[in-house]
């Protein structure tokens, strides 16, 4: 099971764009945690509407820990800039995990900064090879989900 998580988003545009990418690549569940500002007011309802139209599922939770406690993922990869990651995201391993019965959650930050050091303690920080900056959540999901399709 593939769970895609967008954390700490305040932009409705970034949130909706990321959700569109996740829906395009058939994420089993889109989780939105700690949305604020326009992301919470207009972004979340728009994502729910898009998911409903496409037969997708959305879960909106107050914070990252709520998503972890509710869903109990077997693996939780937190995509961060290279300087914060423990190792490079292994697309082959990820594909194997998704082919098994594992519940895999891939989380990205929806803001201009990455996850906090405290938040990183809740998952496994990984980076996409040669990327040492914060990309938009839609860009990160597009790279990862497309790579899973072609690997």
Foldseek 3Di string as FASTA:
>chain_A
DEEEEEEQAADLVLLQLLLVLCLVLPGQEYEYEQYDHCCVVPNVVVSVVVCVVSVHYYHYYHHDVVCCVVPVFPAEEEEAAPVPAPEADDLVVVLVCVVDPGYYYYYFYQDQHTDDPVVCVVHHYHYHPPGGGRDRSNVVSNVNSVSNVVD
